[in-house]
Amino acid sequence: MMTKNKIVTVIICSVLFSCKVMADWQTLNPSGEATARHENGVVAHDNKVFVIGGRGIKAVEVYDPISNSWRKNNPTPIEFHHVTPVSFDGKILLVTGLTGRYPKEPPLSHVWEYDPRTDKWRTIFEIPKERRRGGAGVTVYQGKIYIVGGIKLGHTSGTSNMVDVYDPKAKSWTILTDAPHIRDHANAAILDGKLIAFGGRNSSYHEPEEFGAFMRQVNDKIDVYDIQSGIWKTLKIRLPIPTAGAGAVVYNNRLYYTGGEHAPTPANNRTVSFELTSKTWQEEGKLNRGRHGTNAVLIGNQMYIAMGSGNKGGGPELNSIEVLTLK
C-alpha cells in the first residue's frame, strides 16, 4: 500500500488504560479520486470497502486494497444518509437510515438491497411504520441483522431505545426488549456472543436559544444484551471518549472504537479498544484526521475508515481513507 505517513509506534501507559505499543493510522494515497461526503455508510464486502450515501445523491464508490484504487459506480436511487450498511449473502443491505434535508429528515420506509455485481438497487421489505429510524447501531449475528436505538425524525425528535432484528432470509421483522438507554448516531456490535450498544447521543434534546444543544448530549453508557435470555444490563465502566457518529469494528473478540462528533469543534481522532471479560479499555493509535458521520470496517486485520466530516457539524467533508493494522 502507498501511504502518506510512515508507520510509527509509541508506547502509552496511564491509570485508565493498559500499557501497549501502538501503531499509527496510515492515510492511504489511492489512484482515482473519491467523492467528499459525510453521514455516509461504509461496509466491507468481497474484501473491498464500499462507501454508500451521504448528504445529497452520490455514487457508490469502492476502494480495492489490492490495487489501492477507487472505482465509481452509479449514484444511489434516492438520498441515503445516517445509514450503516451490512454485507449479507452477496448483497449489501440498508435496514435503517434517513433521507431528505436537515433537520427534519424522514426515515427510510423500506429495507434496500444493493447488488454490487449488477450495480442495482431495489426495495425488499417494508419496515413497520413505528420502527422506522436512522442513525441506529446495526450489526449482523448468526444470519440476522440487529438494530439498536436511532432517531425517528432527523435531528428533531424521536431518539429511541428500540431494538429490532431483521431476518433477511425469512423477510421478517421482530421487536426485541428495549435497551436501557436512548441513543442515536450510535453503534452496535457483537462481542463474546452479546449485543453491545455504545456511543451516540440524544439528538432530540434542544434548548430554547440553542437548537444544536444535542451536540453535548453524548452517551457514555455501555449496554449489553444477552440474546438468549433477552435481558439487558449496563456496565459500570463507561466509554472513555463518548462521541456520536463514530466507527467501530470487532477483531479477535476486541471492540475498536474511533472518531466521532462531540462538543469540541474538531472531530475526535482517538481510537480505543475494549475487552468485555476484563472490562478494560486500551488506547490505540490516533487518526491522522479526526472524523465523524461515517463507519469503520474490517478486512482481515485491517481496520478502515473513510470519508466523514472533519469538524463538528457538516464540514469539512472528507474524501480520504485511513487504515490501522490490528494485532
C-alpha atoms as a PDB file:
ATOM      1  CA  MET A   1       0.000   0.000   0.000  1.00  0.00           C
ATOM      2  CA  MET A   2       1.123   3.539  -0.721  1.00  0.00           C
ATOM      3  CA  THR A   3       0.863   5.835   2.263  1.00  0.00           C
ATOM      4  CA  LYS A   4       1.472   9.469   3.016  1.00  0.00           C
ATOM      5  CA  ASN A   5       2.599   8.740   6.539  1.00  0.00           C
ATOM      6  CA  LYS A   6       5.288   6.451   7.876  1.00  0.00           C
ATOM      7  CA  ILE A   7       4.373   3.762  10.354  1.00  0.00           C
ATOM      8  CA  VAL A   8       5.240   4.980  13.824  1.00  0.00           C
ATOM      9  CA  THR A   9       4.880   3.140  17.104  1.00  0.00           C
ATOM     10  CA  VAL A  10       4.578   4.740  20.512  1.00  0.00           C
ATOM     11  CA  ILE A  11       4.108   3.377  23.994  1.00  0.00           C
ATOM     12  CA  ILE A  12       1.157   4.704  26.013  1.00  0.00           C
ATOM     13  CA  CYS A  13       0.597   3.984  29.698  1.00  0.00           C
ATOM     14  CA  SER A  14      -1.862   5.621  32.087  1.00  0.00           C
ATOM     15  CA  VAL A  15      -4.024   4.929  35.100  1.00  0.00           C
ATOM     16  CA  LEU A  16      -7.120   4.314  32.946  1.00  0.00           C
ATOM     17  CA  PHE A  17      -5.543   2.349  30.112  1.00  0.00           C
ATOM     18  CA  SER A  18      -3.228  -0.631  29.907  1.00  0.00           C
ATOM     19  CA  CYS A  19       0.277  -0.203  28.536  1.00  0.00           C
ATOM     20  CA  LYS A  20       0.974  -1.260  24.958  1.00  0.00           C
ATOM     21  CA  VAL A  21       2.879  -0.446  21.807  1.00  0.00           C
ATOM     22  CA  MET A  22       0.577   1.357  19.371  1.00  0.00           C
ATOM     23  CA  ALA A  23       0.690   1.528  15.595  1.00  0.00           C
ATOM     24  CA  ASP A  24      -0.435   4.733  13.924  1.00  0.00           C
ATOM     25  CA  TRP A  25      -3.219   5.036  11.419  1.00  0.00           C
ATOM     26  CA  GLN A  26      -1.958   5.438   7.841  1.00  0.00           C
ATOM     27  CA  THR A  27      -3.552   7.773   5.321  1.00  0.00           C
ATOM     28  CA  LEU A  28      -3.707   5.947   2.002  1.00  0.00           C
ATOM     29  CA  ASN A  29      -2.957   7.539  -1.354  1.00  0.00           C
ATOM     30  CA  PRO A  30      -5.079   5.549  -3.825  1.00  0.00           C
ATOM     31  CA  SER A  31      -5.377   6.047  -7.559  1.00  0.00           C
ATOM     32  CA  GLY A  32      -8.669   7.626  -8.557  1.00  0.00           C
ATOM     33  CA  GLU A  33     -10.399  10.317  -6.556  1.00  0.00           C
ATOM     34  CA  ALA A  34     -13.236   9.605  -4.158  1.00  0.00           C
ATOM     35  CA  THR A  35     -16.145  11.970  -3.502  1.00  0.00           C
ATOM     36  CA  ALA A  36     -16.058  14.029  -0.307  1.00  0.00           C
ATOM     37  CA  ARG A  37     -19.119  13.244   1.806  1.00  0.00           C
ATOM     38  CA  HIS A  38     -20.383  12.764   5.348  1.00  0.00           C
ATOM     39  CA  GLU A  39     -23.240  10.983   7.138  1.00  0.00           C
ATOM     40  CA  ASN A  40     -22.421   8.178   4.729  1.00  0.00           C
ATOM     41  CA  GLY A  41     -22.233   4.444   5.263  1.00  0.00           C
ATOM     42  CA  VAL A  42     -19.154   2.258   4.825  1.00  0.00           C
ATOM     43  CA  VAL A  43     -19.238  -1.527   4.550  1.00  0.00           C
ATOM     44  CA  ALA A  44     -16.709  -4.272   3.829  1.00  0.00           C
ATOM     45  CA  HIS A  45     -17.935  -6.536   1.040  1.00  0.00           C
ATOM     46  CA  ASP A  46     -15.998  -9.009  -1.123  1.00  0.00           C
ATOM     47  CA  ASN A  47     -12.749  -7.784   0.508  1.00  0.00           C
ATOM     48  CA  LYS A  48     -13.393  -4.235  -0.675  1.00  0.00           C
ATOM     49  CA  VAL A  49     -14.575  -1.049   1.042  1.00  0.00           C
ATOM     50  CA  PHE A  50     -17.920   0.242  -0.245  1.00  0.00           C
ATOM     51  CA  VAL A  51     -18.913   3.848   0.526  1.00  0.00           C
ATOM     52  CA  ILE A  52     -22.652   4.478   0.237  1.00  0.00           C
ATOM     53  CA  GLY A  53     -24.786   7.587   0.621  1.00  0.00           C
ATOM     54  CA  GLY A  54     -24.139  10.798   2.489  1.00  0.00           C
ATOM     55  CA  ARG A  55     -25.825  14.170   2.115  1.00  0.00           C
ATOM     56  CA  GLY A  56     -27.271  14.506  -1.399  1.00  0.00           C
ATOM     57  CA  ILE A  57     -27.400  11.763  -4.025  1.00  0.00           C
ATOM     58  CA  LYS A  58     -23.918  10.375  -4.632  1.00  0.00           C
ATOM     59  CA  ALA A  59     -22.314   7.482  -6.454  1.00  0.00           C
ATOM     60  CA  VAL A  60     -21.440   4.257  -4.692  1.00  0.00           C
ATOM     61  CA  GLU A  61     -17.639   4.205  -4.519  1.00  0.00           C
ATOM     62  CA  VAL A  62     -15.459   1.154  -3.982  1.00  0.00           C
ATOM     63  CA  TYR A  63     -11.925   1.012  -2.597  1.00  0.00           C
ATOM     64  CA  ASP A  64      -9.857  -2.045  -3.542  1.00  0.00           C
ATOM     65  CA  PRO A  65      -6.994  -2.640  -1.060  1.00  0.00           C
ATOM     66  CA  ILE A  66      -5.189  -4.937  -3.528  1.00  0.00           C
ATOM     67  CA  SER A  67      -4.912  -2.345  -6.309  1.00  0.00           C
ATOM     68  CA  ASN A  68      -5.049   0.629  -3.881  1.00  0.00           C
ATOM     69  CA  SER A  69      -7.631   2.303  -6.094  1.00  0.00           C
ATOM     70  CA  TRP A  70     -11.121   3.811  -6.096  1.00  0.00           C
ATOM     71  CA  ARG A  71     -13.875   2.817  -8.517  1.00  0.00           C
ATOM     72  CA  LYS A  72     -17.030   4.841  -9.043  1.00  0.00           C
ATOM     73  CA  ASN A  73     -20.364   3.027  -9.540  1.00  0.00           C
ATOM     74  CA  ASN A  74     -23.785   4.506 -10.279  1.00  0.00           C
ATOM     75  CA  PRO A  75     -25.492   7.022  -7.969  1.00  0.00           C
ATOM     76  CA  THR A  76     -27.994   5.730  -5.417  1.00  0.00           C
ATOM     77  CA  PRO A  77     -31.686   5.879  -6.460  1.00  0.00           C
ATOM     78  CA  ILE A  78     -32.583   8.205  -3.589  1.00  0.00           C
ATOM     79  CA  GLU A  79     -30.683  10.141  -0.944  1.00  0.00           C
ATOM     80  CA  PHE A  80     -29.390   7.828   1.797  1.00  0.00           C
ATOM     81  CA  HIS A  81     -27.712   9.199   4.914  1.00  0.00           C
ATOM     82  CA  HIS A  82     -27.236   8.163   8.547  1.00  0.00           C
ATOM     83  CA  VAL A  83     -27.012   4.578   7.291  1.00  0.00           C
ATOM     84  CA  THR A  84     -24.991   1.586   8.453  1.00  0.00           C
ATOM     85  CA  PRO A  85     -24.863  -0.839   5.516  1.00  0.00           C
ATOM     86  CA  VAL A  86     -24.286  -4.539   6.139  1.00  0.00           C
ATOM     87  CA  SER A  87     -22.983  -7.273   3.852  1.00  0.00           C
ATOM     88  CA  PHE A  88     -25.224 -10.314   3.645  1.00  0.00           C
ATOM     89  CA  ASP A  89     -25.371 -13.251   1.242  1.00  0.00           C
ATOM     90  CA  GLY A  90     -23.672 -11.483  -1.660  1.00  0.00           C
ATOM     91  CA  LYS A  91     -25.680  -8.266  -1.305  1.00  0.00           C
ATOM     92  CA  ILE A  92     -25.443  -5.044   0.708  1.00  0.00           C
ATOM     93  CA  LEU A  93     -28.483  -4.122   2.808  1.00  0.00           C
ATOM     94  CA  LEU A  94     -29.700  -0.873   4.360  1.00  0.00           C
ATOM     95  CA  VAL A  95     -32.126  -1.692   7.181  1.00  0.00           C
ATOM     96  CA  THR A  96     -32.254   1.773   8.727  1.00  0.00           C
ATOM     97  CA  GLY A  97     -31.411   5.310   7.660  1.00  0.00           C
ATOM     98  CA  LEU A  98     -32.619   8.804   6.878  1.00  0.00           C
ATOM     99  CA  THR A  99     -33.252  10.779   3.712  1.00  0.00           C
ATOM    100  CA  GLY A 100     -34.013  14.408   2.913  1.00  0.00           C
ATOM    101  CA  ARG A 101     -32.719  17.702   4.238  1.00  0.00           C
ATOM    102  CA  TYR A 102     -31.669  18.757   7.733  1.00  0.00           C
ATOM    103  CA  PRO A 103     -33.172  18.934  10.318  1.00  0.00           C
ATOM    104  CA  LYS A 104     -36.479  17.087   9.699  1.00  0.00           C
ATOM    105  CA  GLU A 105     -35.072  14.191   7.713  1.00  0.00           C
ATOM    106  CA  PRO A 106     -37.629  11.358   7.453  1.00  0.00           C
ATOM    107  CA  PRO A 107     -36.564   7.744   7.978  1.00  0.00           C
ATOM    108  CA  LEU A 108     -36.347   5.170   5.203  1.00  0.00           C
ATOM    109  CA  SER A 109     -39.621   3.313   4.775  1.00  0.00           C
ATOM    110  CA  HIS A 110     -38.112   0.137   3.300  1.00  0.00           C
ATOM    111  CA  VAL A 111     -35.126  -2.146   3.573  1.00  0.00           C
ATOM    112  CA  TRP A 112     -32.990  -1.519   0.485  1.00  0.00           C
ATOM    113  CA  GLU A 113     -30.820  -4.127  -1.231  1.00  0.00           C
ATOM    114  CA  TYR A 114     -27.807  -3.320  -3.399  1.00  0.00           C
ATOM    115  CA  ASP A 115     -26.311  -5.898  -5.725  1.00  0.00           C
ATOM    116  CA  PRO A 116     -22.631  -4.988  -6.315  1.00  0.00           C
ATOM    117  CA  ARG A 117     -22.453  -7.347  -9.306  1.00  0.00           C
ATOM    118  CA  THR A 118     -25.175  -5.523 -11.243  1.00  0.00           C
ATOM    119  CA  ASP A 119     -24.792  -2.103  -9.548  1.00  0.00           C
ATOM    120  CA  LYS A 120     -28.570  -2.034  -8.995  1.00  0.00           C
ATOM    121  CA  TRP A 121     -30.845  -1.202  -6.053  1.00  0.00           C
ATOM    122  CA  ARG A 122     -34.289  -2.447  -5.049  1.00  0.00           C
ATOM    123  CA  THR A 123     -36.581  -2.357  -2.022  1.00  0.00           C
ATOM    124  CA  ILE A 124     -37.192  -5.786  -0.490  1.00  0.00           C
ATOM    125  CA  PHE A 125     -39.183  -5.201   2.724  1.00  0.00           C
ATOM    126  CA  GLU A 126     -41.416  -2.500   4.173  1.00  0.00           C
ATOM    127  CA  ILE A 127     -40.253  -1.536   7.658  1.00  0.00           C
ATOM    128  CA  PRO A 128     -43.084  -1.338  10.239  1.00  0.00           C
ATOM    129  CA  LYS A 129     -44.060   2.327  10.463  1.00  0.00           C
ATOM    130  CA  GLU A 130     -43.390   2.766  14.174  1.00  0.00           C
ATOM    131  CA  ARG A 131     -39.953   1.117  13.907  1.00  0.00           C
ATOM    132  CA  ARG A 132     -38.515   3.349  11.197  1.00  0.00           C
ATOM    133  CA  ARG A 133     -35.498   5.451  12.164  1.00  0.00           C
ATOM    134  CA  GLY A 134     -31.949   6.398  11.189  1.00  0.00           C
ATOM    135  CA  GLY A 135     -28.631   6.758  12.959  1.00  0.00           C
ATOM    136  CA  ALA A 136     -29.110   3.406  14.691  1.00  0.00           C
ATOM    137  CA  GLY A 137     -26.479   0.899  15.691  1.00  0.00           C
ATOM    138  CA  VAL A 138     -26.567  -2.050  13.270  1.00  0.00           C
ATOM    139  CA  THR A 139     -24.752  -5.379  13.365  1.00  0.00           C
ATOM    140  CA  VAL A 140     -25.093  -8.928  11.985  1.00  0.00           C
ATOM    141  CA  TYR A 141     -25.155 -12.082  14.097  1.00  0.00           C
ATOM    142  CA  GLN A 142     -25.994 -15.641  13.045  1.00  0.00           C
ATOM    143  CA  GLY A 143     -27.729 -14.581   9.850  1.00  0.00           C
ATOM    144  CA  LYS A 144     -29.859 -11.855  11.423  1.00  0.00           C
ATOM    145  CA  ILE A 145     -29.461  -8.080  11.495  1.00  0.00           C
ATOM    146  CA  TYR A 146     -29.807  -6.312  14.855  1.00  0.00           C
ATOM    147  CA  ILE A 147     -30.858  -2.643  15.022  1.00  0.00           C
ATOM    148  CA  VAL A 148     -30.428  -0.651  18.258  1.00  0.00           C
ATOM    149  CA  GLY A 149     -31.596   2.892  19.021  1.00  0.00           C
ATOM    150  CA  GLY A 150     -31.839   5.534  16.315  1.00  0.00           C
ATOM    151  CA  ILE A 151     -33.934   8.657  15.787  1.00  0.00           C
ATOM    152  CA  LYS A 152     -37.352   8.803  14.115  1.00  0.00           C
ATOM    153  CA  LEU A 153     -37.247  12.313  12.662  1.00  0.00           C
ATOM    154  CA  GLY A 154     -33.832  13.576  11.642  1.00  0.00           C
ATOM    155  CA  HIS A 155     -32.299  15.839  14.260  1.00  0.00           C
ATOM    156  CA  THR A 156     -35.574  16.975  15.797  1.00  0.00           C
ATOM    157  CA  SER A 157     -37.344  14.214  17.731  1.00  0.00           C
ATOM    158  CA  GLY A 158     -37.745  10.531  18.400  1.00  0.00           C
ATOM    159  CA  THR A 159     -34.384   9.401  19.775  1.00  0.00           C
ATOM    160  CA  SER A 160     -35.144   5.867  20.888  1.00  0.00           C
ATOM    161  CA  ASN A 161     -34.036   2.792  22.768  1.00  0.00           C
ATOM    162  CA  MET A 162     -35.863   0.473  20.344  1.00  0.00           C
ATOM    163  CA  VAL A 163     -34.262  -2.842  19.472  1.00  0.00           C
ATOM    164  CA  ASP A 164     -35.281  -4.942  16.476  1.00  0.00           C
ATOM    165  CA  VAL A 165     -33.997  -7.867  14.487  1.00  0.00           C
ATOM    166  CA  TYR A 166     -34.496  -8.266  10.745  1.00  0.00           C
ATOM    167  CA  ASP A 167     -34.196 -11.710   9.219  1.00  0.00           C
ATOM    168  CA  PRO A 168     -33.204 -11.263   5.551  1.00  0.00           C
ATOM    169  CA  LYS A 169     -33.877 -14.917   4.710  1.00  0.00           C
ATOM    170  CA  ALA A 170     -37.367 -15.061   6.198  1.00  0.00           C
ATOM    171  CA  LYS A 171     -38.103 -11.392   5.369  1.00  0.00           C
ATOM    172  CA  SER A 172     -39.370 -10.916   8.937  1.00  0.00           C
ATOM    173  CA  TRP A 173     -39.067  -8.085  11.468  1.00  0.00           C
ATOM    174  CA  THR A 174     -39.110  -8.866  15.200  1.00  0.00           C
ATOM    175  CA  ILE A 175     -39.309  -6.391  18.087  1.00  0.00           C
ATOM    176  CA  LEU A 176     -36.961  -7.153  20.975  1.00  0.00           C
ATOM    177  CA  THR A 177     -36.651  -5.783  24.515  1.00  0.00           C
ATOM    178  CA  ASP A 178     -35.913  -2.036  24.647  1.00  0.00           C
ATOM    179  CA  ALA A 179     -32.347  -1.111  25.582  1.00  0.00           C
ATOM    180  CA  PRO A 180     -31.760   0.686  28.915  1.00  0.00           C
ATOM    181  CA  HIS A 181     -30.753   3.981  27.253  1.00  0.00           C
ATOM    182  CA  ILE A 182     -31.862   6.002  24.260  1.00  0.00           C
ATOM    183  CA  ARG A 183     -29.208   6.857  21.670  1.00  0.00           C
ATOM    184  CA  ASP A 184     -28.870   7.888  18.021  1.00  0.00           C
ATOM    185  CA  HIS A 185     -25.802   8.372  15.805  1.00  0.00           C
ATOM    186  CA  ALA A 186     -24.901   5.189  17.675  1.00  0.00           C
ATOM    187  CA  ASN A 187     -23.035   1.908  17.309  1.00  0.00           C
ATOM    188  CA  ALA A 188     -23.780  -1.747  17.906  1.00  0.00           C
ATOM    189  CA  ALA A 189     -21.514  -4.792  17.802  1.00  0.00           C
ATOM    190  CA  ILE A 190     -21.368  -8.443  18.807  1.00  0.00           C
ATOM    191  CA  LEU A 191     -18.766  -9.226  21.460  1.00  0.00           C
ATOM    192  CA  ASP A 192     -18.497 -12.582  23.264  1.00  0.00           C
ATOM    193  CA  GLY A 193     -21.842 -13.505  21.690  1.00  0.00           C
ATOM    194  CA  LYS A 194     -23.518 -10.488  23.310  1.00  0.00           C
ATOM    195  CA  LEU A 195     -25.083  -7.491  21.588  1.00  0.00           C
ATOM    196  CA  ILE A 196     -23.288  -4.310  22.690  1.00  0.00           C
ATOM    197  CA  ALA A 197     -24.864  -0.842  22.322  1.00  0.00           C
ATOM    198  CA  PHE A 198     -22.472   2.088  22.753  1.00  0.00           C
ATOM    199  CA  GLY A 199     -21.724   5.629  21.627  1.00  0.00           C
ATOM    200  CA  GLY A 200     -24.193   8.082  20.170  1.00  0.00           C
ATOM    201  CA  ARG A 201     -26.230  10.876  21.706  1.00  0.00           C
ATOM    202  CA  ASN A 202     -29.746  12.285  22.176  1.00  0.00           C
ATOM    203  CA  SER A 203     -30.397  14.442  19.095  1.00  0.00           C
ATOM    204  CA  SER A 204     -33.962  15.100  20.335  1.00  0.00           C
ATOM    205  CA  TYR A 205     -32.565  17.428  23.002  1.00  0.00           C
ATOM    206  CA  HIS A 206     -32.861  21.151  22.228  1.00  0.00           C
ATOM    207  CA  GLU A 207     -32.705  24.351  24.266  1.00  0.00           C
ATOM    208  CA  PRO A 208     -34.781  27.497  23.576  1.00  0.00           C
ATOM    209  CA  GLU A 209     -31.786  29.501  22.369  1.00  0.00           C
ATOM    210  CA  GLU A 210     -29.695  26.609  21.064  1.00  0.00           C
ATOM    211  CA  PHE A 211     -31.196  24.060  18.694  1.00  0.00           C
ATOM    212  CA  GLY A 212     -27.880  22.215  18.447  1.00  0.00           C
ATOM    213  CA  ALA A 213     -27.561  21.669  22.199  1.00  0.00           C
ATOM    214  CA  PHE A 214     -27.828  17.967  21.386  1.00  0.00           C
ATOM    215  CA  MET A 215     -24.129  18.036  20.472  1.00  0.00           C
ATOM    216  CA  ARG A 216     -23.363  17.906  24.201  1.00  0.00           C
ATOM    217  CA  GLN A 217     -25.760  15.052  24.919  1.00  0.00           C
ATOM    218  CA  VAL A 218     -23.324  12.247  24.146  1.00  0.00           C
ATOM    219  CA  ASN A 219     -23.873   8.869  25.762  1.00  0.00           C
ATOM    220  CA  ASP A 220     -21.007   7.204  27.640  1.00  0.00           C
ATOM    221  CA  LYS A 221     -23.017   4.192  28.850  1.00  0.00           C
ATOM    222  CA  ILE A 222     -22.360   0.688  27.529  1.00  0.00           C
ATOM    223  CA  ASP A 223     -25.438  -1.544  27.347  1.00  0.00           C
ATOM    224  CA  VAL A 224     -25.073  -5.311  26.927  1.00  0.00           C
ATOM    225  CA  TYR A 225     -27.872  -7.598  25.681  1.00  0.00           C
ATOM    226  CA  ASP A 226     -27.940 -11.331  26.267  1.00  0.00           C
ATOM    227  CA  ILE A 227     -29.591 -12.589  23.092  1.00  0.00           C
ATOM    228  CA  GLN A 228     -30.531 -15.929  24.650  1.00  0.00           C
ATOM    229  CA  SER A 229     -32.236 -14.555  27.768  1.00  0.00           C
ATOM    230  CA  GLY A 230     -33.443 -11.270  26.289  1.00  0.00           C
ATOM    231  CA  ILE A 231     -32.024  -9.329  29.241  1.00  0.00           C
ATOM    232  CA  TRP A 232     -30.132  -6.031  29.086  1.00  0.00           C
ATOM    233  CA  LYS A 233     -27.590  -4.771  31.591  1.00  0.00           C
ATOM    234  CA  THR A 234     -25.464  -1.632  31.771  1.00  0.00           C
ATOM    235  CA  LEU A 235     -21.768  -1.952  32.564  1.00  0.00           C
ATOM    236  CA  LYS A 236     -20.241   0.121  35.341  1.00  0.00           C
ATOM    237  CA  ILE A 237     -17.320   1.070  33.121  1.00  0.00           C
ATOM    238  CA  ARG A 238     -18.057   3.910  30.679  1.00  0.00           C
ATOM    239  CA  LEU A 239     -16.986   4.801  27.160  1.00  0.00           C
ATOM    240  CA  PRO A 240     -13.796   6.871  27.662  1.00  0.00           C
ATOM    241  CA  ILE A 241     -14.424   9.107  24.635  1.00  0.00           C
ATOM    242  CA  PRO A 242     -18.200   9.493  24.279  1.00  0.00           C
ATOM    243  CA  THR A 243     -18.933  10.654  20.734  1.00  0.00           C
ATOM    244  CA  ALA A 244     -21.636  10.376  18.069  1.00  0.00           C
ATOM    245  CA  GLY A 245     -21.255   9.134  14.506  1.00  0.00           C
ATOM    246  CA  ALA A 246     -18.107   7.139  15.264  1.00  0.00           C
ATOM    247  CA  GLY A 247     -16.697   3.991  13.652  1.00  0.00           C
ATOM    248  CA  ALA A 248     -16.308   0.596  15.312  1.00  0.00           C
ATOM    249  CA  VAL A 249     -15.187  -2.947  14.470  1.00  0.00           C
ATOM    250  CA  VAL A 250     -14.570  -6.184  16.365  1.00  0.00           C
ATOM    251  CA  TYR A 251     -11.325  -8.112  15.870  1.00  0.00           C
ATOM    252  CA  ASN A 252     -10.085 -11.072  17.943  1.00  0.00           C
ATOM    253  CA  ASN A 253     -13.011 -10.556  20.321  1.00  0.00           C
ATOM    254  CA  ARG A 254     -11.939  -6.977  20.990  1.00  0.00           C
ATOM    255  CA  LEU A 255     -14.008  -3.894  20.193  1.00  0.00           C
ATOM    256  CA  TYR A 256     -12.241  -0.981  18.458  1.00  0.00           C
ATOM    257  CA  TYR A 257     -13.876   2.454  18.524  1.00  0.00           C
ATOM    258  CA  THR A 258     -12.640   5.551  16.669  1.00  0.00           C
ATOM    259  CA  GLY A 259     -13.628   9.040  15.590  1.00  0.00           C
ATOM    260  CA  GLY A 260     -16.982  10.672  16.250  1.00  0.00           C
ATOM    261  CA  GLU A 261     -18.506  14.048  16.974  1.00  0.00           C
ATOM    262  CA  HIS A 262     -18.805  15.763  20.346  1.00  0.00           C
ATOM    263  CA  ALA A 263     -18.911  19.274  21.823  1.00  0.00           C
ATOM    264  CA  PRO A 264     -15.355  20.330  20.826  1.00  0.00           C
ATOM    265  CA  THR A 265     -15.179  21.596  17.234  1.00  0.00           C
ATOM    266  CA  PRO A 266     -12.594  19.152  15.825  1.00  0.00           C
ATOM    267  CA  ALA A 267     -13.903  15.624  15.314  1.00  0.00           C
ATOM    268  CA  ASN A 268     -12.360  13.047  17.631  1.00  0.00           C
ATOM    269  CA  ASN A 269      -9.142  11.442  16.384  1.00  0.00           C
ATOM    270  CA  ARG A 270      -8.552   8.978  19.208  1.00  0.00           C
ATOM    271  CA  THR A 271      -9.020   5.236  18.937  1.00  0.00           C
ATOM    272  CA  VAL A 272      -9.692   2.970  21.918  1.00  0.00           C
ATOM    273  CA  SER A 273     -10.365  -0.741  22.264  1.00  0.00           C
ATOM    274  CA  PHE A 274     -12.385  -2.749  24.787  1.00  0.00           C
ATOM    275  CA  GLU A 275     -12.285  -6.297  26.121  1.00  0.00           C
ATOM    276  CA  LEU A 276     -15.570  -7.489  27.645  1.00  0.00           C
ATOM    277  CA  THR A 277     -14.294 -10.158  30.047  1.00  0.00           C
ATOM    278  CA  SER A 278     -11.837  -7.880  31.854  1.00  0.00           C
ATOM    279  CA  LYS A 279     -13.967  -4.780  31.129  1.00  0.00           C
ATOM    280  CA  THR A 280     -10.883  -2.725  30.337  1.00  0.00           C
ATOM    281  CA  TRP A 281     -10.209  -0.049  27.738  1.00  0.00           C
ATOM    282  CA  GLN A 282      -6.938   0.316  25.878  1.00  0.00           C
ATOM    283  CA  GLU A 283      -5.632   3.333  23.969  1.00  0.00           C
ATOM    284  CA  GLU A 284      -4.883   2.726  20.285  1.00  0.00           C
ATOM    285  CA  GLY A 285      -3.335   4.901  17.555  1.00  0.00           C
ATOM    286  CA  LYS A 286      -4.754   8.282  16.562  1.00  0.00           C
ATOM    287  CA  LEU A 287      -6.385   9.064  13.240  1.00  0.00           C
ATOM    288  CA  ASN A 288      -4.432  11.495  11.072  1.00  0.00           C
ATOM    289  CA  ARG A 289      -7.731  13.332  10.559  1.00  0.00           C
ATOM    290  CA  GLY A 290     -10.442  13.114  13.159  1.00  0.00           C
ATOM    291  CA  ARG A 291     -13.804  12.436  11.519  1.00  0.00           C
ATOM    292  CA  HIS A 292     -17.423  11.644  12.230  1.00  0.00           C
ATOM    293  CA  GLY A 293     -20.531  10.763  10.245  1.00  0.00           C
ATOM    294  CA  THR A 294     -19.068   7.588   8.769  1.00  0.00           C
ATOM    295  CA  ASN A 295     -18.425   3.937   9.659  1.00  0.00           C
ATOM    296  CA  ALA A 296     -15.336   1.814  10.160  1.00  0.00           C
ATOM    297  CA  VAL A 297     -14.927  -1.645   8.601  1.00  0.00           C
ATOM    298  CA  LEU A 298     -12.641  -4.648   8.915  1.00  0.00           C
ATOM    299  CA  ILE A 299     -10.910  -6.601   6.135  1.00  0.00           C
ATOM    300  CA  GLY A 300      -8.624  -9.263   7.547  1.00  0.00           C
ATOM    301  CA  ASN A 301      -6.780  -7.473  10.330  1.00  0.00           C
ATOM    302  CA  GLN A 302      -7.032  -4.084   8.618  1.00  0.00           C
ATOM    303  CA  MET A 303      -9.440  -1.515  10.070  1.00  0.00           C
ATOM    304  CA  TYR A 304     -10.520   1.122   7.529  1.00  0.00           C
ATOM    305  CA  ILE A 305     -12.358   4.412   7.952  1.00  0.00           C
ATOM    306  CA  ALA A 306     -13.272   6.647   5.026  1.00  0.00           C
ATOM    307  CA  MET A 307     -14.908   9.989   4.301  1.00  0.00           C
ATOM    308  CA  GLY A 308     -16.921  11.771   7.026  1.00  0.00           C
ATOM    309  CA  SER A 309     -16.757  15.298   8.411  1.00  0.00           C
ATOM    310  CA  GLY A 310     -13.582  16.723   9.933  1.00  0.00           C
ATOM    311  CA  ASN A 311     -15.336  19.046  12.373  1.00  0.00           C
ATOM    312  CA  LYS A 312     -18.498  19.094  14.451  1.00  0.00           C
ATOM    313  CA  GLY A 313     -21.476  19.541  12.136  1.00  0.00           C
ATOM    314  CA  GLY A 314     -21.395  19.259   8.363  1.00  0.00           C
ATOM    315  CA  GLY A 315     -17.896  20.149   7.304  1.00  0.00           C
ATOM    316  CA  PRO A 316     -15.340  19.988   6.043  1.00  0.00           C
ATOM    317  CA  GLU A 317     -16.421  16.908   4.117  1.00  0.00           C
ATOM    318  CA  LEU A 318     -13.530  14.495   3.648  1.00  0.00           C
ATOM    319  CA  ASN A 319     -12.655  12.116   0.817  1.00  0.00           C
ATOM    320  CA  SER A 320      -9.685  10.382   2.432  1.00  0.00           C
ATOM    321  CA  ILE A 321      -9.318   6.818   3.677  1.00  0.00           C
ATOM    322  CA  GLU A 322      -7.146   5.613   6.561  1.00  0.00           C
ATOM    323  CA  VAL A 323      -6.120   2.148   7.734  1.00  0.00           C
ATOM    324  CA  LEU A 324      -4.949   0.712  11.060  1.00  0.00           C
ATOM    325  CA  THR A 325      -3.328  -2.722  11.329  1.00  0.00           C
ATOM    326  CA  LEU A 326      -4.773  -4.612  14.312  1.00  0.00           C
ATOM    327  CA  LYS A 327      -2.823  -7.235  16.218  1.00  0.00           C
END
